[in-house]
Amino acid sequence: MKRPRRNHAPAFKAKVALAALQGDRTLAELAQQFDVHPNQITQWKSQLLERARELFETAADRDAVVPDLKALHAKIGQLALENDFLAGALGRLPDASGTR
Protein backbone atom coordinates (compact mmCIF):
# COMPACT_ATOMS: atom_id res chain seq x y z
CA MET A 1 0.00 0.00 0.00
CA LYS A 2 1.36 3.41 -0.98
CA ARG A 3 1.91 6.14 1.56
CA PRO A 4 -0.04 9.33 0.81
CA ARG A 5 1.97 12.20 -0.55
CA ARG A 6 3.43 14.40 2.18
CA ASN A 7 4.15 18.09 2.02
CA HIS A 8 6.93 19.18 4.32
CA ALA A 9 7.14 22.63 5.85
CA PRO A 10 10.07 24.85 4.88
CA ALA A 11 11.30 24.84 8.48
CA PHE A 12 11.46 21.04 8.45
CA LYS A 13 13.32 21.02 5.14
CA ALA A 14 15.84 23.53 6.48
CA LYS A 15 16.37 21.49 9.64
CA VAL A 16 17.01 18.31 7.64
CA ALA A 17 19.33 20.09 5.17
CA LEU A 18 21.34 21.66 7.98
CA ALA A 19 21.65 18.28 9.69
CA ALA A 20 22.93 16.85 6.40
CA LEU A 21 25.45 19.69 6.09
CA GLN A 22 26.85 19.00 9.53
CA GLY A 23 28.06 15.63 8.30
CA ASP A 24 28.13 13.89 11.67
CA ARG A 25 25.56 11.30 10.54
CA THR A 26 25.14 9.36 7.30
CA LEU A 27 22.29 9.93 4.88
CA ALA A 28 20.77 6.61 5.88
CA GLU A 29 20.77 7.62 9.54
CA LEU A 30 19.22 10.99 8.74
CA ALA A 31 16.61 9.38 6.51
CA GLN A 32 15.63 7.02 9.30
CA GLN A 33 15.59 9.79 11.91
CA PHE A 34 13.46 12.21 9.86
CA ASP A 35 11.46 9.53 7.96
CA VAL A 36 12.46 10.98 4.59
CA HIS A 37 14.08 9.32 1.57
CA PRO A 38 17.87 9.88 1.30
CA ASN A 39 17.49 11.30 -2.22
CA GLN A 40 15.13 13.94 -0.84
CA ILE A 41 17.68 14.91 1.80
CA THR A 42 20.33 15.28 -0.90
CA GLN A 43 17.99 17.51 -2.94
CA TRP A 44 17.22 19.76 0.02
CA LYS A 45 20.90 19.98 0.89
CA SER A 46 21.85 21.05 -2.64
CA GLN A 47 19.01 23.62 -2.72
CA LEU A 48 20.26 25.07 0.56
CA LEU A 49 23.80 25.36 -0.80
CA GLU A 50 22.62 26.96 -4.06
CA ARG A 51 20.32 29.51 -2.46
CA ALA A 52 22.30 30.38 0.68
CA ARG A 53 23.86 33.36 -1.12
CA GLU A 54 20.41 34.96 -1.43
CA LEU A 55 20.19 35.31 2.34
CA PHE A 56 23.02 37.82 2.46
CA GLU A 57 22.19 39.87 -0.64
CA THR A 58 21.18 43.47 -0.13
CA ALA A 59 18.30 45.11 -1.97
CA ALA A 60 20.81 46.94 -4.18
CA ASP A 61 22.40 43.63 -5.20
CA ARG A 62 19.02 42.19 -6.16
CA ASP A 63 18.07 45.31 -8.15
CA ALA A 64 21.40 45.32 -10.00
CA VAL A 65 20.78 41.81 -11.31
CA VAL A 66 17.34 42.59 -12.81
CA PRO A 67 17.63 44.21 -16.25
CA ASP A 68 15.60 47.33 -17.04
CA LEU A 69 12.91 45.93 -19.34
CA LYS A 70 11.63 49.33 -20.40
CA ALA A 71 15.06 50.34 -21.70
CA LEU A 72 15.51 47.00 -23.45
CA HIS A 73 12.13 47.29 -25.19
CA ALA A 74 13.00 50.83 -26.29
CA LYS A 75 16.29 49.60 -27.75
CA ILE A 76 14.52 46.78 -29.61
CA GLY A 77 12.04 49.28 -31.07
CA GLN A 78 14.84 51.61 -32.15
CA LEU A 79 16.74 48.78 -33.87
CA ALA A 80 13.59 47.57 -35.60
CA LEU A 81 12.93 51.08 -36.99
CA GLU A 82 16.52 51.38 -38.19
CA ASN A 83 16.33 47.98 -39.91
CA ASP A 84 13.06 48.92 -41.64
CA PHE A 85 14.48 52.26 -42.76
CA LEU A 86 17.67 50.73 -44.10
CA ALA A 87 15.78 47.94 -45.88
CA GLY A 88 13.60 50.56 -47.60
CA ALA A 89 16.59 52.72 -48.55
CA LEU A 90 18.44 49.70 -49.88
CA GLY A 91 15.48 48.81 -52.08
CA ARG A 92 15.60 52.19 -53.80
CA LEU A 93 19.25 51.89 -54.83
CA PRO A 94 19.95 50.34 -58.25
CA ASP A 95 21.81 47.02 -58.25
CA ALA A 96 21.61 46.67 -54.49
CA SER A 97 20.24 43.77 -52.53
CA GLY A 98 19.90 43.00 -48.87
CA THR A 99 21.66 39.67 -49.29
CA ARG A 100 25.31 39.06 -49.99
PDB file of N, CA and C in Angstrom:
ATOM      1  N   MET A   1       0.832  -1.173   0.000  1.00  0.00           N
ATOM      2  CA  MET A   1       0.000   0.000   0.000  1.00  0.00           C
ATOM      3  C   MET A   1       0.888   1.251   0.000  1.00  0.00           C
ATOM      4  N   LYS A   2       0.551   2.206  -0.864  1.00  0.00           N
ATOM      5  CA  LYS A   2       1.359   3.413  -0.985  1.00  0.00           C
ATOM      6  C   LYS A   2       1.042   4.392   0.132  1.00  0.00           C
ATOM      7  N   ARG A   3       2.065   5.079   0.565  1.00  0.00           N
ATOM      8  CA  ARG A   3       1.910   6.137   1.559  1.00  0.00           C
ATOM      9  C   ARG A   3       1.365   7.374   0.847  1.00  0.00           C
ATOM     10  N   PRO A   4       0.445   8.100   1.463  1.00  0.00           N
ATOM     11  CA  PRO A   4      -0.045   9.328   0.814  1.00  0.00           C
ATOM     12  C   PRO A   4       1.074  10.359   0.703  1.00  0.00           C
ATOM     13  N   ARG A   5       0.963  11.180  -0.303  1.00  0.00           N
ATOM     14  CA  ARG A   5       1.971  12.203  -0.554  1.00  0.00           C
ATOM     15  C   ARG A   5       2.019  13.185   0.617  1.00  0.00           C
ATOM     16  N   ARG A   6       3.251  13.491   1.056  1.00  0.00           N
ATOM     17  CA  ARG A   6       3.429  14.395   2.182  1.00  0.00           C
ATOM     18  C   ARG A   6       4.045  15.698   1.705  1.00  0.00           C
ATOM     19  N   ASN A   7       3.569  16.765   2.282  1.00  0.00           N
ATOM     20  CA  ASN A   7       4.150  18.087   2.024  1.00  0.00           C
ATOM     21  C   ASN A   7       4.852  18.529   3.291  1.00  0.00           C
ATOM     22  N   HIS A   8       6.135  18.807   3.162  1.00  0.00           N
ATOM     23  CA  HIS A   8       6.928  19.180   4.322  1.00  0.00           C
ATOM     24  C   HIS A   8       7.027  20.701   4.405  1.00  0.00           C
ATOM     25  N   ALA A   9       7.017  21.187   5.606  1.00  0.00           N
ATOM     26  CA  ALA A   9       7.137  22.629   5.853  1.00  0.00           C
ATOM     27  C   ALA A   9       8.563  23.088   5.555  1.00  0.00           C
ATOM     28  N   PRO A  10       8.721  24.332   5.146  1.00  0.00           N
ATOM     29  CA  PRO A  10      10.068  24.854   4.877  1.00  0.00           C
ATOM     30  C   PRO A  10      10.998  24.758   6.087  1.00  0.00           C
ATOM     31  N   ALA A  11      10.462  24.934   7.275  1.00  0.00           N
ATOM     32  CA  ALA A  11      11.298  24.839   8.478  1.00  0.00           C
ATOM     33  C   ALA A  11      11.839  23.421   8.649  1.00  0.00           C
ATOM     34  N   PHE A  12      11.023  22.427   8.354  1.00  0.00           N
ATOM     35  CA  PHE A  12      11.462  21.036   8.450  1.00  0.00           C
ATOM     36  C   PHE A  12      12.540  20.746   7.413  1.00  0.00           C
ATOM     37  N   LYS A  13      12.341  21.233   6.201  1.00  0.00           N
ATOM     38  CA  LYS A  13      13.322  21.023   5.137  1.00  0.00           C
ATOM     39  C   LYS A  13      14.667  21.648   5.512  1.00  0.00           C
ATOM     40  N   ALA A  14      14.610  22.855   6.074  1.00  0.00           N
ATOM     41  CA  ALA A  14      15.839  23.533   6.478  1.00  0.00           C
ATOM     42  C   ALA A  14      16.541  22.764   7.584  1.00  0.00           C
ATOM     43  N   LYS A  15      15.782  22.247   8.533  1.00  0.00           N
ATOM     44  CA  LYS A  15      16.369  21.495   9.640  1.00  0.00           C
ATOM     45  C   LYS A  15      17.065  20.234   9.127  1.00  0.00           C
ATOM     46  N   VAL A  16      16.424  19.534   8.196  1.00  0.00           N
ATOM     47  CA  VAL A  16      17.007  18.307   7.642  1.00  0.00           C
ATOM     48  C   VAL A  16      18.253  18.648   6.818  1.00  0.00           C
ATOM     49  N   ALA A  17      18.183  19.713   6.003  1.00  0.00           N
ATOM     50  CA  ALA A  17      19.326  20.092   5.168  1.00  0.00           C
ATOM     51  C   ALA A  17      20.513  20.526   6.021  1.00  0.00           C
ATOM     52  N   LEU A  18      20.244  21.250   7.094  1.00  0.00           N
ATOM     53  CA  LEU A  18      21.337  21.660   7.982  1.00  0.00           C
ATOM     54  C   LEU A  18      21.957  20.461   8.692  1.00  0.00           C
ATOM     55  N   ALA A  19      21.120  19.498   9.065  1.00  0.00           N
ATOM     56  CA  ALA A  19      21.652  18.283   9.688  1.00  0.00           C
ATOM     57  C   ALA A  19      22.527  17.514   8.692  1.00  0.00           C
ATOM     58  N   ALA A  20      22.130  17.521   7.425  1.00  0.00           N
ATOM     59  CA  ALA A  20      22.934  16.848   6.395  1.00  0.00           C
ATOM     60  C   ALA A  20      24.250  17.586   6.171  1.00  0.00           C
ATOM     61  N   LEU A  21      24.225  18.904   6.271  1.00  0.00           N
ATOM     62  CA  LEU A  21      25.447  19.687   6.086  1.00  0.00           C
ATOM     63  C   LEU A  21      26.451  19.477   7.219  1.00  0.00           C
ATOM     64  N   GLN A  22      25.957  19.218   8.404  1.00  0.00           N
ATOM     65  CA  GLN A  22      26.853  19.000   9.531  1.00  0.00           C
ATOM     66  C   GLN A  22      27.763  17.797   9.291  1.00  0.00           C
ATOM     67  N   GLY A  23      27.237  16.768   8.679  1.00  0.00           N
ATOM     68  CA  GLY A  23      28.057  15.634   8.299  1.00  0.00           C
ATOM     69  C   GLY A  23      28.414  14.679   9.420  1.00  0.00           C
ATOM     70  N   ASP A  24      27.798  14.806  10.579  1.00  0.00           N
ATOM     71  CA  ASP A  24      28.135  13.889  11.670  1.00  0.00           C
ATOM     72  C   ASP A  24      27.349  12.577  11.592  1.00  0.00           C
ATOM     73  N   ARG A  25      26.318  12.533  10.751  1.00  0.00           N
ATOM     74  CA  ARG A  25      25.560  11.300  10.542  1.00  0.00           C
ATOM     75  C   ARG A  25      25.446  11.011   9.050  1.00  0.00           C
ATOM     76  N   THR A  26      25.269   9.744   8.706  1.00  0.00           N
ATOM     77  CA  THR A  26      25.137   9.365   7.301  1.00  0.00           C
ATOM     78  C   THR A  26      23.744   9.705   6.799  1.00  0.00           C
ATOM     79  N   LEU A  27      23.600   9.684   5.474  1.00  0.00           N
ATOM     80  CA  LEU A  27      22.288   9.935   4.884  1.00  0.00           C
ATOM     81  C   LEU A  27      21.268   8.907   5.333  1.00  0.00           C
ATOM     82  N   ALA A  28      21.689   7.662   5.444  1.00  0.00           N
ATOM     83  CA  ALA A  28      20.771   6.613   5.881  1.00  0.00           C
ATOM     84  C   ALA A  28      20.275   6.867   7.303  1.00  0.00           C
ATOM     85  N   GLU A  29      21.167   7.314   8.169  1.00  0.00           N
ATOM     86  CA  GLU A  29      20.765   7.620   9.543  1.00  0.00           C
ATOM     87  C   GLU A  29      19.807   8.805   9.584  1.00  0.00           C
ATOM     88  N   LEU A  30      20.108   9.830   8.793  1.00  0.00           N
ATOM     89  CA  LEU A  30      19.224  10.991   8.735  1.00  0.00           C
ATOM     90  C   LEU A  30      17.864  10.630   8.154  1.00  0.00           C
ATOM     91  N   ALA A  31      17.873   9.791   7.131  1.00  0.00           N
ATOM     92  CA  ALA A  31      16.614   9.377   6.513  1.00  0.00           C
ATOM     93  C   ALA A  31      15.755   8.615   7.511  1.00  0.00           C
ATOM     94  N   GLN A  32      16.371   7.781   8.294  1.00  0.00           N
ATOM     95  CA  GLN A  32      15.630   7.022   9.296  1.00  0.00           C
ATOM     96  C   GLN A  32      15.137   7.947  10.411  1.00  0.00           C
ATOM     97  N   GLN A  33      15.964   8.878  10.832  1.00  0.00           N
ATOM     98  CA  GLN A  33      15.588   9.790  11.912  1.00  0.00           C
ATOM     99  C   GLN A  33      14.415  10.685  11.513  1.00  0.00           C
ATOM    100  N   PHE A  34      14.473  11.252  10.303  1.00  0.00           N
ATOM    101  CA  PHE A  34      13.458  12.205   9.863  1.00  0.00           C
ATOM    102  C   PHE A  34      12.354  11.563   9.030  1.00  0.00           C
ATOM    103  N   ASP A  35      12.445  10.263   8.756  1.00  0.00           N
ATOM    104  CA  ASP A  35      11.458   9.526   7.962  1.00  0.00           C
ATOM    105  C   ASP A  35      11.274  10.162   6.580  1.00  0.00           C
ATOM    106  N   VAL A  36      12.420  10.391   5.930  1.00  0.00           N
ATOM    107  CA  VAL A  36      12.461  10.983   4.593  1.00  0.00           C
ATOM    108  C   VAL A  36      13.441  10.168   3.763  1.00  0.00           C
ATOM    109  N   HIS A  37      13.192  10.072   2.463  1.00  0.00           N
ATOM    110  CA  HIS A  37      14.078   9.319   1.574  1.00  0.00           C
ATOM    111  C   HIS A  37      15.435  10.023   1.473  1.00  0.00           C
ATOM    112  N   PRO A  38      16.530   9.268   1.406  1.00  0.00           N
ATOM    113  CA  PRO A  38      17.871   9.880   1.302  1.00  0.00           C
ATOM    114  C   PRO A  38      18.034  10.799   0.082  1.00  0.00           C
ATOM    115  N   ASN A  39      17.399  10.441  -1.033  1.00  0.00           N
ATOM    116  CA  ASN A  39      17.489  11.305  -2.216  1.00  0.00           C
ATOM    117  C   ASN A  39      16.857  12.668  -1.948  1.00  0.00           C
ATOM    118  N   GLN A  40      15.778  12.675  -1.174  1.00  0.00           N
ATOM    119  CA  GLN A  40      15.125  13.939  -0.837  1.00  0.00           C
ATOM    120  C   GLN A  40      16.038  14.805   0.031  1.00  0.00           C
ATOM    121  N   ILE A  41      16.739  14.170   0.944  1.00  0.00           N
ATOM    122  CA  ILE A  41      17.676  14.911   1.802  1.00  0.00           C
ATOM    123  C   ILE A  41      18.789  15.522   0.953  1.00  0.00           C
ATOM    124  N   THR A  42      19.288  14.771  -0.013  1.00  0.00           N
ATOM    125  CA  THR A  42      20.330  15.278  -0.899  1.00  0.00           C
ATOM    126  C   THR A  42      19.827  16.465  -1.702  1.00  0.00           C
ATOM    127  N   GLN A  43      18.578  16.402  -2.184  1.00  0.00           N
ATOM    128  CA  GLN A  43      17.991  17.512  -2.935  1.00  0.00           C
ATOM    129  C   GLN A  43      17.892  18.760  -2.076  1.00  0.00           C
ATOM    130  N   TRP A  44      17.379  18.616  -0.871  1.00  0.00           N
ATOM    131  CA  TRP A  44      17.224  19.762   0.017  1.00  0.00           C
ATOM    132  C   TRP A  44      18.574  20.363   0.381  1.00  0.00           C
ATOM    133  N   LYS A  45      19.563  19.509   0.558  1.00  0.00           N
ATOM    134  CA  LYS A  45      20.902  19.985   0.891  1.00  0.00           C
ATOM    135  C   LYS A  45      21.477  20.808  -0.266  1.00  0.00           C
ATOM    136  N   SER A  46      21.320  20.320  -1.487  1.00  0.00           N
ATOM    137  CA  SER A  46      21.851  21.048  -2.644  1.00  0.00           C
ATOM    138  C   SER A  46      21.095  22.355  -2.851  1.00  0.00           C
ATOM    139  N   GLN A  47      19.776  22.367  -2.606  1.00  0.00           N
ATOM    140  CA  GLN A  47      19.015  23.617  -2.721  1.00  0.00           C
ATOM    141  C   GLN A  47      19.484  24.634  -1.687  1.00  0.00           C
ATOM    142  N   LEU A  48      19.769  24.174  -0.492  1.00  0.00           N
ATOM    143  CA  LEU A  48      20.260  25.066   0.557  1.00  0.00           C
ATOM    144  C   LEU A  48      21.607  25.673   0.158  1.00  0.00           C
ATOM    145  N   LEU A  49      22.489  24.860  -0.386  1.00  0.00           N
ATOM    146  CA  LEU A  49      23.801  25.362  -0.795  1.00  0.00           C
ATOM    147  C   LEU A  49      23.689  26.346  -1.956  1.00  0.00           C
ATOM    148  N   GLU A  50      22.773  26.090  -2.900  1.00  0.00           N
ATOM    149  CA  GLU A  50      22.620  26.961  -4.059  1.00  0.00           C
ATOM    150  C   GLU A  50      22.015  28.307  -3.679  1.00  0.00           C
ATOM    151  N   ARG A  51      21.060  28.299  -2.760  1.00  0.00           N
ATOM    152  CA  ARG A  51      20.316  29.513  -2.462  1.00  0.00           C
ATOM    153  C   ARG A  51      20.776  30.218  -1.192  1.00  0.00           C
ATOM    154  N   ALA A  52      21.822  29.751  -0.551  1.00  0.00           N
ATOM    155  CA  ALA A  52      22.302  30.377   0.676  1.00  0.00           C
ATOM    156  C   ALA A  52      22.805  31.795   0.416  1.00  0.00           C
ATOM    157  N   ARG A  53      23.334  32.038  -0.763  1.00  0.00           N
ATOM    158  CA  ARG A  53      23.857  33.356  -1.117  1.00  0.00           C
ATOM    159  C   ARG A  53      22.748  34.412  -1.072  1.00  0.00           C
ATOM    160  N   GLU A  54      21.524  34.019  -1.408  1.00  0.00           N
ATOM    161  CA  GLU A  54      20.406  34.959  -1.431  1.00  0.00           C
ATOM    162  C   GLU A  54      20.106  35.534  -0.047  1.00  0.00           C
ATOM    163  N   LEU A  55      20.465  34.829   0.992  1.00  0.00           N
ATOM    164  CA  LEU A  55      20.195  35.310   2.342  1.00  0.00           C
ATOM    165  C   LEU A  55      20.964  36.585   2.663  1.00  0.00           C
ATOM    166  N   PHE A  56      22.143  36.726   2.103  1.00  0.00           N
ATOM    167  CA  PHE A  56      23.019  37.819   2.460  1.00  0.00           C
ATOM    168  C   PHE A  56      23.071  38.924   1.405  1.00  0.00           C
ATOM    169  N   GLU A  57      22.236  38.828   0.375  1.00  0.00           N
ATOM    170  CA  GLU A  57      22.191  39.867  -0.643  1.00  0.00           C
ATOM    171  C   GLU A  57      21.434  41.080  -0.113  1.00  0.00           C
ATOM    172  N   THR A  58      21.904  42.255  -0.482  1.00  0.00           N
ATOM    173  CA  THR A  58      21.180  43.467  -0.132  1.00  0.00           C
ATOM    174  C   THR A  58      20.167  43.780  -1.229  1.00  0.00           C
ATOM    175  N   ALA A  59      19.296  44.726  -0.974  1.00  0.00           N
ATOM    176  CA  ALA A  59      18.296  45.111  -1.974  1.00  0.00           C
ATOM    177  C   ALA A  59      18.979  45.674  -3.221  1.00  0.00           C
ATOM    178  N   ALA A  60      20.077  46.380  -3.036  1.00  0.00           N
ATOM    179  CA  ALA A  60      20.809  46.939  -4.176  1.00  0.00           C
ATOM    180  C   ALA A  60      21.391  45.831  -5.048  1.00  0.00           C
ATOM    181  N   ASP A  61      21.863  44.751  -4.430  1.00  0.00           N
ATOM    182  CA  ASP A  61      22.397  43.626  -5.196  1.00  0.00           C
ATOM    183  C   ASP A  61      21.307  42.976  -6.029  1.00  0.00           C
ATOM    184  N   ARG A  62      20.134  42.816  -5.439  1.00  0.00           N
ATOM    185  CA  ARG A  62      19.024  42.188  -6.163  1.00  0.00           C
ATOM    186  C   ARG A  62      18.547  43.074  -7.302  1.00  0.00           C
ATOM    187  N   ASP A  63      18.515  44.394  -7.100  1.00  0.00           N
ATOM    188  CA  ASP A  63      18.073  45.306  -8.149  1.00  0.00           C
ATOM    189  C   ASP A  63      19.081  45.388  -9.279  1.00  0.00           C
ATOM    190  N   ALA A  64      20.362  45.237  -8.976  1.00  0.00           N
ATOM    191  CA  ALA A  64      21.402  45.318  -9.999  1.00  0.00           C
ATOM    192  C   ALA A  64      21.334  44.134 -10.953  1.00  0.00           C
ATOM    193  N   VAL A  65      20.836  43.010 -10.487  1.00  0.00           N
ATOM    194  CA  VAL A  65      20.780  41.811 -11.313  1.00  0.00           C
ATOM    195  C   VAL A  65      19.636  41.884 -12.314  1.00  0.00           C
ATOM    196  N   VAL A  66      18.527  42.528 -11.953  1.00  0.00           N
ATOM    197  CA  VAL A  66      17.342  42.589 -12.805  1.00  0.00           C
ATOM    198  C   VAL A  66      17.555  43.634 -13.893  1.00  0.00           C
ATOM    199  N   PRO A  67      17.445  43.240 -15.179  1.00  0.00           N
ATOM    200  CA  PRO A  67      17.633  44.215 -16.253  1.00  0.00           C
ATOM    201  C   PRO A  67      16.428  45.160 -16.342  1.00  0.00           C
ATOM    202  N   ASP A  68      16.661  46.352 -16.858  1.00  0.00           N
ATOM    203  CA  ASP A  68      15.600  47.334 -17.037  1.00  0.00           C
ATOM    204  C   ASP A  68      14.849  46.987 -18.318  1.00  0.00           C
ATOM    205  N   LEU A  69      13.661  46.397 -18.171  1.00  0.00           N
ATOM    206  CA  LEU A  69      12.910  45.929 -19.337  1.00  0.00           C
ATOM    207  C   LEU A  69      12.436  47.072 -20.213  1.00  0.00           C
ATOM    208  N   LYS A  70      12.103  48.190 -19.615  1.00  0.00           N
ATOM    209  CA  LYS A  70      11.629  49.329 -20.400  1.00  0.00           C
ATOM    210  C   LYS A  70      12.726  49.817 -21.353  1.00  0.00           C
ATOM    211  N   ALA A  71      13.942  49.903 -20.860  1.00  0.00           N
ATOM    212  CA  ALA A  71      15.058  50.343 -21.696  1.00  0.00           C
ATOM    213  C   ALA A  71      15.360  49.313 -22.792  1.00  0.00           C
ATOM    214  N   LEU A  72      15.253  48.032 -22.440  1.00  0.00           N
ATOM    215  CA  LEU A  72      15.511  46.997 -23.447  1.00  0.00           C
ATOM    216  C   LEU A  72      14.450  47.015 -24.549  1.00  0.00           C
ATOM    217  N   HIS A  73      13.192  47.217 -24.183  1.00  0.00           N
ATOM    218  CA  HIS A  73      12.128  47.290 -25.192  1.00  0.00           C
ATOM    219  C   HIS A  73      12.312  48.519 -26.082  1.00  0.00           C
ATOM    220  N   ALA A  74      12.742  49.631 -25.503  1.00  0.00           N
ATOM    221  CA  ALA A  74      12.997  50.834 -26.294  1.00  0.00           C
ATOM    222  C   ALA A  74      14.124  50.592 -27.298  1.00  0.00           C
ATOM    223  N   LYS A  75      15.172  49.898 -26.858  1.00  0.00           N
ATOM    224  CA  LYS A  75      16.292  49.604 -27.749  1.00  0.00           C
ATOM    225  C   LYS A  75      15.855  48.678 -28.885  1.00  0.00           C
ATOM    226  N   ILE A  76      15.027  47.691 -28.568  1.00  0.00           N
ATOM    227  CA  ILE A  76      14.516  46.779 -29.605  1.00  0.00           C
ATOM    228  C   ILE A  76      13.699  47.554 -30.629  1.00  0.00           C
ATOM    229  N   GLY A  77      12.845  48.470 -30.148  1.00  0.00           N
ATOM    230  CA  GLY A  77      12.042  49.284 -31.071  1.00  0.00           C
ATOM    231  C   GLY A  77      12.904  50.155 -31.955  1.00  0.00           C
ATOM    232  N   GLN A  78      13.931  50.755 -31.375  1.00  0.00           N
ATOM    233  CA  GLN A  78      14.842  51.609 -32.150  1.00  0.00           C
ATOM    234  C   GLN A  78      15.542  50.789 -33.228  1.00  0.00           C
ATOM    235  N   LEU A  79      16.043  49.625 -32.883  1.00  0.00           N
ATOM    236  CA  LEU A  79      16.738  48.785 -33.867  1.00  0.00           C
ATOM    237  C   LEU A  79      15.793  48.297 -34.963  1.00  0.00           C
ATOM    238  N   ALA A  80      14.559  48.001 -34.598  1.00  0.00           N
ATOM    239  CA  ALA A  80      13.586  47.566 -35.598  1.00  0.00           C
ATOM    240  C   ALA A  80      13.299  48.690 -36.590  1.00  0.00           C
ATOM    241  N   LEU A  81      13.143  49.931 -36.101  1.00  0.00           N
ATOM    242  CA  LEU A  81      12.927  51.076 -36.992  1.00  0.00           C
ATOM    243  C   LEU A  81      14.117  51.299 -37.913  1.00  0.00           C
ATOM    244  N   GLU A  82      15.328  51.201 -37.369  1.00  0.00           N
ATOM    245  CA  GLU A  82      16.521  51.380 -38.194  1.00  0.00           C
ATOM    246  C   GLU A  82      16.604  50.306 -39.274  1.00  0.00           C
ATOM    247  N   ASN A  83      16.297  49.071 -38.923  1.00  0.00           N
ATOM    248  CA  ASN A  83      16.327  47.981 -39.909  1.00  0.00           C
ATOM    249  C   ASN A  83      15.298  48.213 -41.013  1.00  0.00           C
ATOM    250  N   ASP A  84      14.091  48.653 -40.640  1.00  0.00           N
ATOM    251  CA  ASP A  84      13.058  48.923 -41.642  1.00  0.00           C
ATOM    252  C   ASP A  84      13.473  50.065 -42.555  1.00  0.00           C
ATOM    253  N   PHE A  85      14.043  51.119 -41.963  1.00  0.00           N
ATOM    254  CA  PHE A  85      14.483  52.264 -42.762  1.00  0.00           C
ATOM    255  C   PHE A  85      15.581  51.860 -43.738  1.00  0.00           C
ATOM    256  N   LEU A  86      16.560  51.126 -43.241  1.00  0.00           N
ATOM    257  CA  LEU A  86      17.669  50.725 -44.105  1.00  0.00           C
ATOM    258  C   LEU A  86      17.224  49.747 -45.180  1.00  0.00           C
ATOM    259  N   ALA A  87      16.291  48.869 -44.869  1.00  0.00           N
ATOM    260  CA  ALA A  87      15.784  47.943 -45.882  1.00  0.00           C
ATOM    261  C   ALA A  87      15.049  48.709 -46.973  1.00  0.00           C
ATOM    262  N   GLY A  88      14.293  49.738 -46.609  1.00  0.00           N
ATOM    263  CA  GLY A  88      13.598  50.557 -47.602  1.00  0.00           C
ATOM    264  C   GLY A  88      14.571  51.356 -48.440  1.00  0.00           C
ATOM    265  N   ALA A  89      15.593  51.933 -47.819  1.00  0.00           N
ATOM    266  CA  ALA A  89      16.585  52.724 -48.547  1.00  0.00           C
ATOM    267  C   ALA A  89      17.391  51.831 -49.479  1.00  0.00           C
ATOM    268  N   LEU A  90      17.664  50.623 -49.058  1.00  0.00           N
ATOM    269  CA  LEU A  90      18.440  49.699 -49.883  1.00  0.00           C
ATOM    270  C   LEU A  90      17.637  49.266 -51.100  1.00  0.00           C
ATOM    271  N   GLY A  91      16.331  49.191 -50.956  1.00  0.00           N
ATOM    272  CA  GLY A  91      15.485  48.812 -52.079  1.00  0.00           C
ATOM    273  C   GLY A  91      15.402  49.858 -53.167  1.00  0.00           C
ATOM    274  N   ARG A  92      15.665  51.122 -52.814  1.00  0.00           N
ATOM    275  CA  ARG A  92      15.601  52.191 -53.801  1.00  0.00           C
ATOM    276  C   ARG A  92      16.889  52.352 -54.600  1.00  0.00           C
ATOM    277  N   LEU A  93      17.985  51.771 -54.117  1.00  0.00           N
ATOM    278  CA  LEU A  93      19.254  51.889 -54.830  1.00  0.00           C
ATOM    279  C   LEU A  93      19.302  50.887 -55.979  1.00  0.00           C
ATOM    280  N   PRO A  94      19.815  51.310 -57.144  1.00  0.00           N
ATOM    281  CA  PRO A  94      19.945  50.343 -58.252  1.00  0.00           C
ATOM    282  C   PRO A  94      21.045  49.334 -57.972  1.00  0.00           C
ATOM    283  N   ASP A  95      20.847  48.117 -58.390  1.00  0.00           N
ATOM    284  CA  ASP A  95      21.806  47.023 -58.250  1.00  0.00           C
ATOM    285  C   ASP A  95      22.221  46.775 -56.797  1.00  0.00           C
ATOM    286  N   ALA A  96      21.306  46.921 -55.883  1.00  0.00           N
ATOM    287  CA  ALA A  96      21.612  46.666 -54.490  1.00  0.00           C
ATOM    288  C   ALA A  96      20.615  45.611 -53.976  1.00  0.00           C
ATOM    289  N   SER A  97      21.126  44.764 -53.158  1.00  0.00           N
ATOM    290  CA  SER A  97      20.240  43.768 -52.535  1.00  0.00           C
ATOM    291  C   SER A  97      20.604  43.644 -51.070  1.00  0.00           C
ATOM    292  N   GLY A  98      19.657  43.162 -50.301  1.00  0.00           N
ATOM    293  CA  GLY A  98      19.898  42.998 -48.875  1.00  0.00           C
ATOM    294  C   GLY A  98      20.713  41.768 -48.562  1.00  0.00           C
ATOM    295  N   THR A  99      20.917  40.887 -49.533  1.00  0.00           N
ATOM    296  CA  THR A  99      21.660  39.665 -49.290  1.00  0.00           C
ATOM    297  C   THR A  99      23.025  39.766 -49.946  1.00  0.00           C
ATOM    298  N   ARG A 100      23.953  39.026 -49.435  1.00  0.00           N
ATOM    299  CA  ARG A 100      25.305  39.059 -49.994  1.00  0.00           C
ATOM    300  C   ARG A 100      25.586  37.781 -50.714  1.00  0.00           C
TER     301      ARG A 100
END
